Amino acid sequence: MKFSLLLGTYGSRLKDLDFLFDSLDRQTYKNFEVIVGSQTNFDEIEEILKKHSFEYKHVFAGGTGCAVSRNATMDLASGDVYTFTDDDCWYKDDALEIVKGYFDECNPDVAIFQHYDPKKKKSTINYPKEKIMGIKRFQTLKQATLDMWFNSKSIDSHTHKFDERFGIGTKYNSGEENIYIMDAYNEGKRKMFYFPEIVAYHPYKEVNYIDEKSMIGKGPLFKRLFGSFLGFFIFIAFAIKKKKEIENNNDGKFWSIFSSSLKEQIKFKL
């Protein structure tokens, strides 16, 4: 079994990249490749890559946005299993060995694990304690790409791409990973299994996806995820449920943000 670790990076975290690559040098399972899509600092990243012992490919990813740089890596993947790594994460020394064991045993379309901040001793996600042998449709929205490992035979990285209209660096600054896994689910790739085991480390970060910019992007996101009709009503239910939280994070504003997001949803083309 060969792994492809796909890394889209803006290129500003050079020390973090070196730290990540060190953790890959230490992997007990060696049959893997690293594919890096750099949007800036290509030459500096190339020099860092040359220091390390693993197989790699390096491509210049034009444009802006995390989805663009990730898509740039995907056509080059040759692994049986692939994952999307972050430029500020790192892996347990036996991470690939752990993941291989679950793929050998269960043959999932997607295997989902955990990441953890060993310094702050907590995770960004509130993970279930028990394994789940079949993630439900709405549970796909709670997953992070760093935790997901994809079977390339069922979800082909050469054809199954990120929607580049969404994600960090775009007009709609989140949701690209939700769309990626939801598209797979809607295509019938339902063997999505969760295993409560840490394989990666990542700094804990407070995230706020109900600020005004993020909320305006939620209208188009729900339309993209669920279609025009269902997406309209799911967005309304979401906004009403989060009304107080939205007001607290936006100086008391709610209705103007809600209205702007609905207008953006109506304009958005599937």
Foldseek 3Di string as FASTA:
>chain_A
DEEEEEEEDQPPPLVLQLVQLVLLLLAPDQRYEYEYEYQDPQVSNVVSVVVGDHHYHYHHFHDWFRQSSRLVRLQVDDGQKYAYAYSNKHWDNHLVVVVVVCCVVQVAQKEFEAAAAPVVGGGQAPDDPAKDQWQDLVSLQRGDRNGIMGRCVLVPSNPQGFDRCEDCGHQQHDQRSSLSVLVSVVVPRTRYMYDYHHTMYHDHDDDDQLELSNLLSQLQNLCSRPNDPVSLVVNVVVLVVCVVVSCVRYVRDRPVSVVSSNVSNVPDDD
